[in-house]
Amino acid sequence: MGFYIYILADMRRGRTYIGVTNDLVRRVYEHRESLAEGYTKANCIKRLVYFEEFGEISMAIQRETSLRRWYRSWKIELIEKSNPDWRDLWDEIVK
């Protein structure tokens, strides 16, 4: 079983949300369908723009905590390094 950190966005260079989960498809689905209460639902943040997989939950949580403390410009650079167009990666994770 893998553990994931993920970044959702409402639009290119828009609002972002960073989370951690052990089931990326389920968790992103919850955000997309507004089943997850809170910040993402209130701000219509539904587009998966970045994710990383880890073998241990402690490593995923450590990475999530670190990313949340990053400057916004660093987060944008991280996303754009692998996803320059900020396209929704949903189709890639449900295959």
PDB file of N, CA and C in Angstrom:
ATOM      1  N   MET A   1       0.848  -1.184   0.000  1.00  0.00           N
ATOM      2  CA  MET A   1       0.000   0.000   0.000  1.00  0.00           C
ATOM      3  C   MET A   1       0.887   1.240   0.000  1.00  0.00           C
ATOM      4  N   GLY A   2       0.510   2.204  -0.800  1.00  0.00           N
ATOM      5  CA  GLY A   2       1.258   3.441  -0.869  1.00  0.00           C
ATOM      6  C   GLY A   2       0.574   4.563  -0.111  1.00  0.00           C
ATOM      7  N   PHE A   3       1.317   5.584   0.145  1.00  0.00           N
ATOM      8  CA  PHE A   3       0.801   6.794   0.776  1.00  0.00           C
ATOM      9  C   PHE A   3       1.160   7.951  -0.138  1.00  0.00           C
ATOM     10  N   TYR A   4       0.309   8.945  -0.190  1.00  0.00           N
ATOM     11  CA  TYR A   4       0.464  10.017  -1.163  1.00  0.00           C
ATOM     12  C   TYR A   4       0.332  11.385  -0.521  1.00  0.00           C
ATOM     13  N   ILE A   5       1.112  12.323  -1.031  1.00  0.00           N
ATOM     14  CA  ILE A   5       0.815  13.734  -0.796  1.00  0.00           C
ATOM     15  C   ILE A   5       0.283  14.215  -2.135  1.00  0.00           C
ATOM     16  N   TYR A   6      -0.631  15.172  -2.075  1.00  0.00           N
ATOM     17  CA  TYR A   6      -1.219  15.664  -3.318  1.00  0.00           C
ATOM     18  C   TYR A   6      -1.480  17.160  -3.199  1.00  0.00           C
ATOM     19  N   ILE A   7      -1.491  17.805  -4.358  1.00  0.00           N
ATOM     20  CA  ILE A   7      -1.815  19.221  -4.411  1.00  0.00           C
ATOM     21  C   ILE A   7      -2.987  19.390  -5.364  1.00  0.00           C
ATOM     22  N   LEU A   8      -4.024  20.043  -4.872  1.00  0.00           N
ATOM     23  CA  LEU A   8      -5.183  20.388  -5.688  1.00  0.00           C
ATOM     24  C   LEU A   8      -5.148  21.888  -5.948  1.00  0.00           C
ATOM     25  N   ALA A   9      -5.752  22.301  -7.047  1.00  0.00           N
ATOM     26  CA  ALA A   9      -5.831  23.722  -7.371  1.00  0.00           C
ATOM     27  C   ALA A   9      -7.190  24.022  -7.984  1.00  0.00           C
ATOM     28  N   ASP A  10      -7.605  25.281  -7.889  1.00  0.00           N
ATOM     29  CA  ASP A  10      -8.865  25.662  -8.523  1.00  0.00           C
ATOM     30  C   ASP A  10      -8.641  26.103  -9.967  1.00  0.00           C
ATOM     31  N   MET A  11      -7.449  26.592 -10.268  1.00  0.00           N
ATOM     32  CA  MET A  11      -7.096  27.013 -11.620  1.00  0.00           C
ATOM     33  C   MET A  11      -5.586  27.171 -11.683  1.00  0.00           C
ATOM     34  N   ARG A  12      -5.066  27.442 -12.859  1.00  0.00           N
ATOM     35  CA  ARG A  12      -3.628  27.636 -13.021  1.00  0.00           C
ATOM     36  C   ARG A  12      -3.166  28.804 -12.146  1.00  0.00           C
ATOM     37  N   ARG A  13      -2.196  28.527 -11.297  1.00  0.00           N
ATOM     38  CA  ARG A  13      -1.634  29.497 -10.362  1.00  0.00           C
ATOM     39  C   ARG A  13      -2.683  30.106  -9.424  1.00  0.00           C
ATOM     40  N   GLY A  14      -3.753  29.368  -9.191  1.00  0.00           N
ATOM     41  CA  GLY A  14      -4.805  29.828  -8.293  1.00  0.00           C
ATOM     42  C   GLY A  14      -4.597  29.308  -6.877  1.00  0.00           C
ATOM     43  N   ARG A  15      -5.700  29.165  -6.157  1.00  0.00           N
ATOM     44  CA  ARG A  15      -5.632  28.629  -4.789  1.00  0.00           C
ATOM     45  C   ARG A  15      -5.204  27.173  -4.836  1.00  0.00           C
ATOM     46  N   THR A  16      -4.470  26.746  -3.819  1.00  0.00           N
ATOM     47  CA  THR A  16      -4.035  25.357  -3.745  1.00  0.00           C
ATOM     48  C   THR A  16      -4.378  24.767  -2.384  1.00  0.00           C
ATOM     49  N   TYR A  17      -4.366  23.449  -2.359  1.00  0.00           N
ATOM     50  CA  TYR A  17      -4.587  22.692  -1.128  1.00  0.00           C
ATOM     51  C   TYR A  17      -3.629  21.515  -1.155  1.00  0.00           C
ATOM     52  N   ILE A  18      -2.976  21.246  -0.042  1.00  0.00           N
ATOM     53  CA  ILE A  18      -2.056  20.118   0.070  1.00  0.00           C
ATOM     54  C   ILE A  18      -2.624  19.131   1.076  1.00  0.00           C
ATOM     55  N   GLY A  19      -2.652  17.856   0.684  1.00  0.00           N
ATOM     56  CA  GLY A  19      -3.178  16.829   1.570  1.00  0.00           C
ATOM     57  C   GLY A  19      -2.344  15.569   1.525  1.00  0.00           C
ATOM     58  N   VAL A  20      -2.683  14.627   2.391  1.00  0.00           N
ATOM     59  CA  VAL A  20      -2.014  13.326   2.450  1.00  0.00           C
ATOM     60  C   VAL A  20      -3.099  12.260   2.566  1.00  0.00           C
ATOM     61  N   THR A  21      -2.884  11.111   1.932  1.00  0.00           N
ATOM     62  CA  THR A  21      -3.874  10.038   1.949  1.00  0.00           C
ATOM     63  C   THR A  21      -3.219   8.698   1.645  1.00  0.00           C
ATOM     64  N   ASN A  22      -3.922   7.630   1.958  1.00  0.00           N
ATOM     65  CA  ASN A  22      -3.458   6.293   1.578  1.00  0.00           C
ATOM     66  C   ASN A  22      -4.233   5.776   0.367  1.00  0.00           C
ATOM     67  N   ASP A  23      -5.227   6.532  -0.104  1.00  0.00           N
ATOM     68  CA  ASP A  23      -6.024   6.148  -1.273  1.00  0.00           C
ATOM     69  C   ASP A  23      -6.254   7.405  -2.110  1.00  0.00           C
ATOM     70  N   LEU A  24      -5.351   7.654  -3.041  1.00  0.00           N
ATOM     71  CA  LEU A  24      -5.385   8.895  -3.811  1.00  0.00           C
ATOM     72  C   LEU A  24      -6.656   9.029  -4.648  1.00  0.00           C
ATOM     73  N   VAL A  25      -7.073   7.959  -5.302  1.00  0.00           N
ATOM     74  CA  VAL A  25      -8.268   8.023  -6.149  1.00  0.00           C
ATOM     75  C   VAL A  25      -9.497   8.379  -5.311  1.00  0.00           C
ATOM     76  N   ARG A  26      -9.676   7.678  -4.198  1.00  0.00           N
ATOM     77  CA  ARG A  26     -10.831   7.953  -3.343  1.00  0.00           C
ATOM     78  C   ARG A  26     -10.821   9.380  -2.820  1.00  0.00           C
ATOM     79  N   ARG A  27      -9.671   9.823  -2.358  1.00  0.00           N
ATOM     80  CA  ARG A  27      -9.594  11.154  -1.739  1.00  0.00           C
ATOM     81  C   ARG A  27      -9.814  12.266  -2.757  1.00  0.00           C
ATOM     82  N   VAL A  28      -9.223  12.152  -3.928  1.00  0.00           N
ATOM     83  CA  VAL A  28      -9.427  13.173  -4.957  1.00  0.00           C
ATOM     84  C   VAL A  28     -10.888  13.156  -5.410  1.00  0.00           C
ATOM     85  N   TYR A  29     -11.477  11.961  -5.522  1.00  0.00           N
ATOM     86  CA  TYR A  29     -12.896  11.858  -5.865  1.00  0.00           C
ATOM     87  C   TYR A  29     -13.752  12.614  -4.844  1.00  0.00           C
ATOM     88  N   GLU A  30     -13.439  12.459  -3.570  1.00  0.00           N
ATOM     89  CA  GLU A  30     -14.186  13.166  -2.530  1.00  0.00           C
ATOM     90  C   GLU A  30     -14.094  14.680  -2.710  1.00  0.00           C
ATOM     91  N   HIS A  31     -12.925  15.166  -3.053  1.00  0.00           N
ATOM     92  CA  HIS A  31     -12.768  16.608  -3.301  1.00  0.00           C
ATOM     93  C   HIS A  31     -13.531  17.024  -4.553  1.00  0.00           C
ATOM     94  N   ARG A  32     -13.420  16.241  -5.624  1.00  0.00           N
ATOM     95  CA  ARG A  32     -14.070  16.578  -6.895  1.00  0.00           C
ATOM     96  C   ARG A  32     -15.587  16.637  -6.768  1.00  0.00           C
ATOM     97  N   GLU A  33     -16.131  15.765  -5.952  1.00  0.00           N
ATOM     98  CA  GLU A  33     -17.584  15.692  -5.783  1.00  0.00           C
ATOM     99  C   GLU A  33     -18.082  16.520  -4.595  1.00  0.00           C
ATOM    100  N   SER A  34     -17.213  17.318  -4.018  1.00  0.00           N
ATOM    101  CA  SER A  34     -17.533  18.174  -2.868  1.00  0.00           C
ATOM    102  C   SER A  34     -18.054  17.379  -1.678  1.00  0.00           C
ATOM    103  N   LEU A  35     -17.517  16.190  -1.484  1.00  0.00           N
ATOM    104  CA  LEU A  35     -17.885  15.357  -0.343  1.00  0.00           C
ATOM    105  C   LEU A  35     -17.019  15.666   0.870  1.00  0.00           C
ATOM    106  N   ALA A  36     -15.892  16.325   0.631  1.00  0.00           N
ATOM    107  CA  ALA A  36     -14.979  16.697   1.705  1.00  0.00           C
ATOM    108  C   ALA A  36     -15.300  18.119   2.152  1.00  0.00           C
ATOM    109  N   GLU A  37     -15.773  18.251   3.367  1.00  0.00           N
ATOM    110  CA  GLU A  37     -16.107  19.574   3.907  1.00  0.00           C
ATOM    111  C   GLU A  37     -14.839  20.385   4.132  1.00  0.00           C
ATOM    112  N   GLY A  38     -14.987  21.679   4.104  1.00  0.00           N
ATOM    113  CA  GLY A  38     -13.860  22.533   4.450  1.00  0.00           C
ATOM    114  C   GLY A  38     -13.389  23.417   3.323  1.00  0.00           C
ATOM    115  N   TYR A  39     -12.093  23.689   3.342  1.00  0.00           N
ATOM    116  CA  TYR A  39     -11.467  24.661   2.453  1.00  0.00           C
ATOM    117  C   TYR A  39     -11.679  24.340   0.973  1.00  0.00           C
ATOM    118  N   THR A  40     -11.475  23.076   0.578  1.00  0.00           N
ATOM    119  CA  THR A  40     -11.589  22.737  -0.839  1.00  0.00           C
ATOM    120  C   THR A  40     -13.019  22.874  -1.336  1.00  0.00           C
ATOM    121  N   LYS A  41     -13.971  22.491  -0.538  1.00  0.00           N
ATOM    122  CA  LYS A  41     -15.371  22.613  -0.941  1.00  0.00           C
ATOM    123  C   LYS A  41     -15.782  24.089  -1.012  1.00  0.00           C
ATOM    124  N   ALA A  42     -15.411  24.861  -0.021  1.00  0.00           N
ATOM    125  CA  ALA A  42     -15.776  26.278   0.039  1.00  0.00           C
ATOM    126  C   ALA A  42     -15.159  27.084  -1.095  1.00  0.00           C
ATOM    127  N   ASN A  43     -14.001  26.649  -1.604  1.00  0.00           N
ATOM    128  CA  ASN A  43     -13.295  27.398  -2.640  1.00  0.00           C
ATOM    129  C   ASN A  43     -13.267  26.699  -4.003  1.00  0.00           C
ATOM    130  N   CYS A  44     -14.067  25.645  -4.161  1.00  0.00           N
ATOM    131  CA  CYS A  44     -14.150  24.895  -5.435  1.00  0.00           C
ATOM    132  C   CYS A  44     -12.784  24.445  -5.939  1.00  0.00           C
ATOM    133  N   ILE A  45     -11.990  23.897  -5.045  1.00  0.00           N
ATOM    134  CA  ILE A  45     -10.653  23.406  -5.398  1.00  0.00           C
ATOM    135  C   ILE A  45     -10.777  21.913  -5.690  1.00  0.00           C
ATOM    136  N   LYS A  46     -10.698  21.555  -6.982  1.00  0.00           N
ATOM    137  CA  LYS A  46     -10.994  20.180  -7.388  1.00  0.00           C
ATOM    138  C   LYS A  46      -9.992  19.563  -8.343  1.00  0.00           C
ATOM    139  N   ARG A  47      -9.057  20.321  -8.849  1.00  0.00           N
ATOM    140  CA  ARG A  47      -8.139  19.847  -9.887  1.00  0.00           C
ATOM    141  C   ARG A  47      -6.860  19.300  -9.265  1.00  0.00           C
ATOM    142  N   LEU A  48      -6.584  18.012  -9.495  1.00  0.00           N
ATOM    143  CA  LEU A  48      -5.337  17.399  -9.023  1.00  0.00           C
ATOM    144  C   LEU A  48      -4.213  17.848  -9.946  1.00  0.00           C
ATOM    145  N   VAL A  49      -3.237  18.570  -9.402  1.00  0.00           N
ATOM    146  CA  VAL A  49      -2.149  19.091 -10.240  1.00  0.00           C
ATOM    147  C   VAL A  49      -0.777  18.503  -9.903  1.00  0.00           C
ATOM    148  N   TYR A  50      -0.687  17.793  -8.768  1.00  0.00           N
ATOM    149  CA  TYR A  50       0.607  17.233  -8.370  1.00  0.00           C
ATOM    150  C   TYR A  50       0.381  16.152  -7.321  1.00  0.00           C
ATOM    151  N   PHE A  51       1.213  15.110  -7.366  1.00  0.00           N
ATOM    152  CA  PHE A  51       1.208  14.114  -6.286  1.00  0.00           C
ATOM    153  C   PHE A  51       2.537  13.396  -6.240  1.00  0.00           C
ATOM    154  N   GLU A  52       2.843  12.848  -5.073  1.00  0.00           N
ATOM    155  CA  GLU A  52       4.034  12.034  -4.847  1.00  0.00           C
ATOM    156  C   GLU A  52       3.608  10.812  -4.048  1.00  0.00           C
ATOM    157  N   GLU A  53       4.254   9.680  -4.297  1.00  0.00           N
ATOM    158  CA  GLU A  53       3.958   8.448  -3.563  1.00  0.00           C
ATOM    159  C   GLU A  53       5.101   8.116  -2.610  1.00  0.00           C
ATOM    160  N   PHE A  54       4.739   7.580  -1.434  1.00  0.00           N
ATOM    161  CA  PHE A  54       5.704   7.189  -0.409  1.00  0.00           C
ATOM    162  C   PHE A  54       5.376   5.794   0.088  1.00  0.00           C
ATOM    163  N   GLY A  55       6.364   5.096   0.565  1.00  0.00           N
ATOM    164  CA  GLY A  55       6.168   3.755   1.095  1.00  0.00           C
ATOM    165  C   GLY A  55       5.735   3.737   2.555  1.00  0.00           C
ATOM    166  N   GLU A  56       5.992   4.833   3.268  1.00  0.00           N
ATOM    167  CA  GLU A  56       5.657   4.907   4.691  1.00  0.00           C
ATOM    168  C   GLU A  56       4.850   6.164   4.970  1.00  0.00           C
ATOM    169  N   ILE A  57       3.848   6.041   5.813  1.00  0.00           N
ATOM    170  CA  ILE A  57       2.985   7.180   6.140  1.00  0.00           C
ATOM    171  C   ILE A  57       3.780   8.296   6.802  1.00  0.00           C
ATOM    172  N   SER A  58       4.757   7.951   7.616  1.00  0.00           N
ATOM    173  CA  SER A  58       5.539   8.990   8.302  1.00  0.00           C
ATOM    174  C   SER A  58       6.272   9.882   7.300  1.00  0.00           C
ATOM    175  N   MET A  59       6.762   9.297   6.221  1.00  0.00           N
ATOM    176  CA  MET A  59       7.461  10.079   5.192  1.00  0.00           C
ATOM    177  C   MET A  59       6.479  10.985   4.447  1.00  0.00           C
ATOM    178  N   ALA A  60       5.287  10.471   4.177  1.00  0.00           N
ATOM    179  CA  ALA A  60       4.270  11.275   3.489  1.00  0.00           C
ATOM    180  C   ALA A  60       3.830  12.448   4.357  1.00  0.00           C
ATOM    181  N   ILE A  61       3.611  12.204   5.628  1.00  0.00           N
ATOM    182  CA  ILE A  61       3.198  13.273   6.543  1.00  0.00           C
ATOM    183  C   ILE A  61       4.312  14.315   6.683  1.00  0.00           C
ATOM    184  N   GLN A  62       5.540  13.851   6.768  1.00  0.00           N
ATOM    185  CA  GLN A  62       6.674  14.774   6.863  1.00  0.00           C
ATOM    186  C   GLN A  62       6.752  15.661   5.619  1.00  0.00           C
ATOM    187  N   ARG A  63       6.560  15.068   4.444  1.00  0.00           N
ATOM    188  CA  ARG A  63       6.602  15.842   3.194  1.00  0.00           C
ATOM    189  C   ARG A  63       5.443  16.834   3.124  1.00  0.00           C
ATOM    190  N   GLU A  64       4.244  16.397   3.519  1.00  0.00           N
ATOM    191  CA  GLU A  64       3.078  17.291   3.521  1.00  0.00           C
ATOM    192  C   GLU A  64       3.338  18.493   4.432  1.00  0.00           C
ATOM    193  N   THR A  65       3.823  18.235   5.623  1.00  0.00           N
ATOM    194  CA  THR A  65       4.113  19.301   6.581  1.00  0.00           C
ATOM    195  C   THR A  65       5.137  20.274   6.019  1.00  0.00           C
ATOM    196  N   SER A  66       6.159  19.734   5.395  1.00  0.00           N
ATOM    197  CA  SER A  66       7.189  20.570   4.795  1.00  0.00           C
ATOM    198  C   SER A  66       6.610  21.442   3.677  1.00  0.00           C
ATOM    199  N   LEU A  67       5.838  20.840   2.768  1.00  0.00           N
ATOM    200  CA  LEU A  67       5.263  21.591   1.645  1.00  0.00           C
ATOM    201  C   LEU A  67       4.322  22.696   2.112  1.00  0.00           C
ATOM    202  N   ARG A  68       3.586  22.435   3.162  1.00  0.00           N
ATOM    203  CA  ARG A  68       2.657  23.455   3.667  1.00  0.00           C
ATOM    204  C   ARG A  68       3.409  24.705   4.166  1.00  0.00           C
ATOM    205  N   ARG A  69       4.648  24.521   4.562  1.00  0.00           N
ATOM    206  CA  ARG A  69       5.449  25.649   5.064  1.00  0.00           C
ATOM    207  C   ARG A  69       6.198  26.390   3.955  1.00  0.00           C
ATOM    208  N   TRP A  70       6.214  25.812   2.762  1.00  0.00           N
ATOM    209  CA  TRP A  70       6.931  26.424   1.646  1.00  0.00           C
ATOM    210  C   TRP A  70       6.291  27.741   1.234  1.00  0.00           C
ATOM    211  N   TYR A  71       7.119  28.615   0.658  1.00  0.00           N
ATOM    212  CA  TYR A  71       6.597  29.824   0.031  1.00  0.00           C
ATOM    213  C   TYR A  71       5.739  29.418  -1.166  1.00  0.00           C
ATOM    214  N   ARG A  72       4.760  30.230  -1.469  1.00  0.00           N
ATOM    215  CA  ARG A  72       3.874  29.954  -2.601  1.00  0.00           C
ATOM    216  C   ARG A  72       4.660  29.784  -3.901  1.00  0.00           C
ATOM    217  N   SER A  73       5.660  30.609  -4.129  1.00  0.00           N
ATOM    218  CA  SER A  73       6.450  30.538  -5.368  1.00  0.00           C
ATOM    219  C   SER A  73       7.161  29.187  -5.495  1.00  0.00           C
ATOM    220  N   TRP A  74       7.607  28.609  -4.380  1.00  0.00           N
ATOM    221  CA  TRP A  74       8.257  27.302  -4.418  1.00  0.00           C
ATOM    222  C   TRP A  74       7.255  26.221  -4.808  1.00  0.00           C
ATOM    223  N   LYS A  75       6.033  26.320  -4.282  1.00  0.00           N
ATOM    224  CA  LYS A  75       4.999  25.340  -4.617  1.00  0.00           C
ATOM    225  C   LYS A  75       4.654  25.420  -6.099  1.00  0.00           C
ATOM    226  N   ILE A  76       4.532  26.634  -6.619  1.00  0.00           N
ATOM    227  CA  ILE A  76       4.236  26.817  -8.036  1.00  0.00           C
ATOM    228  C   ILE A  76       5.344  26.209  -8.886  1.00  0.00           C
ATOM    229  N   GLU A  77       6.586  26.450  -8.506  1.00  0.00           N
ATOM    230  CA  GLU A  77       7.724  25.883  -9.241  1.00  0.00           C
ATOM    231  C   GLU A  77       7.695  24.361  -9.209  1.00  0.00           C
ATOM    232  N   LEU A  78       7.376  23.772  -8.065  1.00  0.00           N
ATOM    233  CA  LEU A  78       7.291  22.324  -7.934  1.00  0.00           C
ATOM    234  C   LEU A  78       6.229  21.765  -8.881  1.00  0.00           C
ATOM    235  N   ILE A  79       5.058  22.358  -8.888  1.00  0.00           N
ATOM    236  CA  ILE A  79       3.974  21.904  -9.764  1.00  0.00           C
ATOM    237  C   ILE A  79       4.379  22.042 -11.224  1.00  0.00           C
ATOM    238  N   GLU A  80       4.897  23.205 -11.587  1.00  0.00           N
ATOM    239  CA  GLU A  80       5.190  23.479 -12.991  1.00  0.00           C
ATOM    240  C   GLU A  80       6.373  22.686 -13.534  1.00  0.00           C
ATOM    241  N   LYS A  81       7.198  22.147 -12.650  1.00  0.00           N
ATOM    242  CA  LYS A  81       8.309  21.307 -13.096  1.00  0.00           C
ATOM    243  C   LYS A  81       7.779  20.032 -13.755  1.00  0.00           C
ATOM    244  N   SER A  82       6.712  19.456 -13.216  1.00  0.00           N
ATOM    245  CA  SER A  82       6.163  18.217 -13.772  1.00  0.00           C
ATOM    246  C   SER A  82       4.839  18.423 -14.499  1.00  0.00           C
ATOM    247  N   ASN A  83       4.197  19.552 -14.281  1.00  0.00           N
ATOM    248  CA  ASN A  83       2.875  19.802 -14.874  1.00  0.00           C
ATOM    249  C   ASN A  83       2.771  21.289 -15.247  1.00  0.00           C
ATOM    250  N   PRO A  84       3.519  21.717 -16.269  1.00  0.00           N
ATOM    251  CA  PRO A  84       3.593  23.146 -16.586  1.00  0.00           C
ATOM    252  C   PRO A  84       2.261  23.792 -16.963  1.00  0.00           C
ATOM    253  N   ASP A  85       1.327  23.016 -17.462  1.00  0.00           N
ATOM    254  CA  ASP A  85       0.026  23.561 -17.867  1.00  0.00           C
ATOM    255  C   ASP A  85      -1.037  23.446 -16.769  1.00  0.00           C
ATOM    256  N   TRP A  86      -0.651  22.914 -15.636  1.00  0.00           N
ATOM    257  CA  TRP A  86      -1.564  22.719 -14.509  1.00  0.00           C
ATOM    258  C   TRP A  86      -2.788  21.898 -14.927  1.00  0.00           C
ATOM    259  N   ARG A  87      -2.564  20.903 -15.791  1.00  0.00           N
ATOM    260  CA  ARG A  87      -3.697  20.082 -16.226  1.00  0.00           C
ATOM    261  C   ARG A  87      -4.140  19.166 -15.091  1.00  0.00           C
ATOM    262  N   ASP A  88      -5.376  18.775 -15.137  1.00  0.00           N
ATOM    263  CA  ASP A  88      -5.940  17.886 -14.120  1.00  0.00           C
ATOM    264  C   ASP A  88      -5.399  16.481 -14.346  1.00  0.00           C
ATOM    265  N   LEU A  89      -4.779  15.909 -13.332  1.00  0.00           N
ATOM    266  CA  LEU A  89      -4.172  14.583 -13.428  1.00  0.00           C
ATOM    267  C   LEU A  89      -5.141  13.457 -13.077  1.00  0.00           C
ATOM    268  N   TRP A  90      -6.399  13.772 -12.893  1.00  0.00           N
ATOM    269  CA  TRP A  90      -7.411  12.785 -12.513  1.00  0.00           C
ATOM    270  C   TRP A  90      -7.398  11.572 -13.445  1.00  0.00           C
ATOM    271  N   ASP A  91      -7.414  11.803 -14.755  1.00  0.00           N
ATOM    272  CA  ASP A  91      -7.448  10.691 -15.711  1.00  0.00           C
ATOM    273  C   ASP A  91      -6.242   9.773 -15.575  1.00  0.00           C
ATOM    274  N   GLU A  92      -5.112  10.313 -15.180  1.00  0.00           N
ATOM    275  CA  GLU A  92      -3.917   9.494 -15.011  1.00  0.00           C
ATOM    276  C   GLU A  92      -3.987   8.580 -13.801  1.00  0.00           C
ATOM    277  N   ILE A  93      -4.662   8.989 -12.761  1.00  0.00           N
ATOM    278  CA  ILE A  93      -4.687   8.159 -11.545  1.00  0.00           C
ATOM    279  C   ILE A  93      -5.830   7.154 -11.552  1.00  0.00           C
ATOM    280  N   VAL A  94      -6.835   7.336 -12.388  1.00  0.00           N
ATOM    281  CA  VAL A  94      -7.951   6.374 -12.415  1.00  0.00           C
ATOM    282  C   VAL A  94      -7.758   5.254 -13.422  1.00  0.00           C
ATOM    283  N   LYS A  95      -6.668   5.295 -14.192  1.00  0.00           N
ATOM    284  CA  LYS A  95      -6.404   4.232 -15.182  1.00  0.00           C
ATOM    285  C   LYS A  95      -6.008   2.959 -14.498  1.00  0.00           C
TER     286      LYS A  95
END
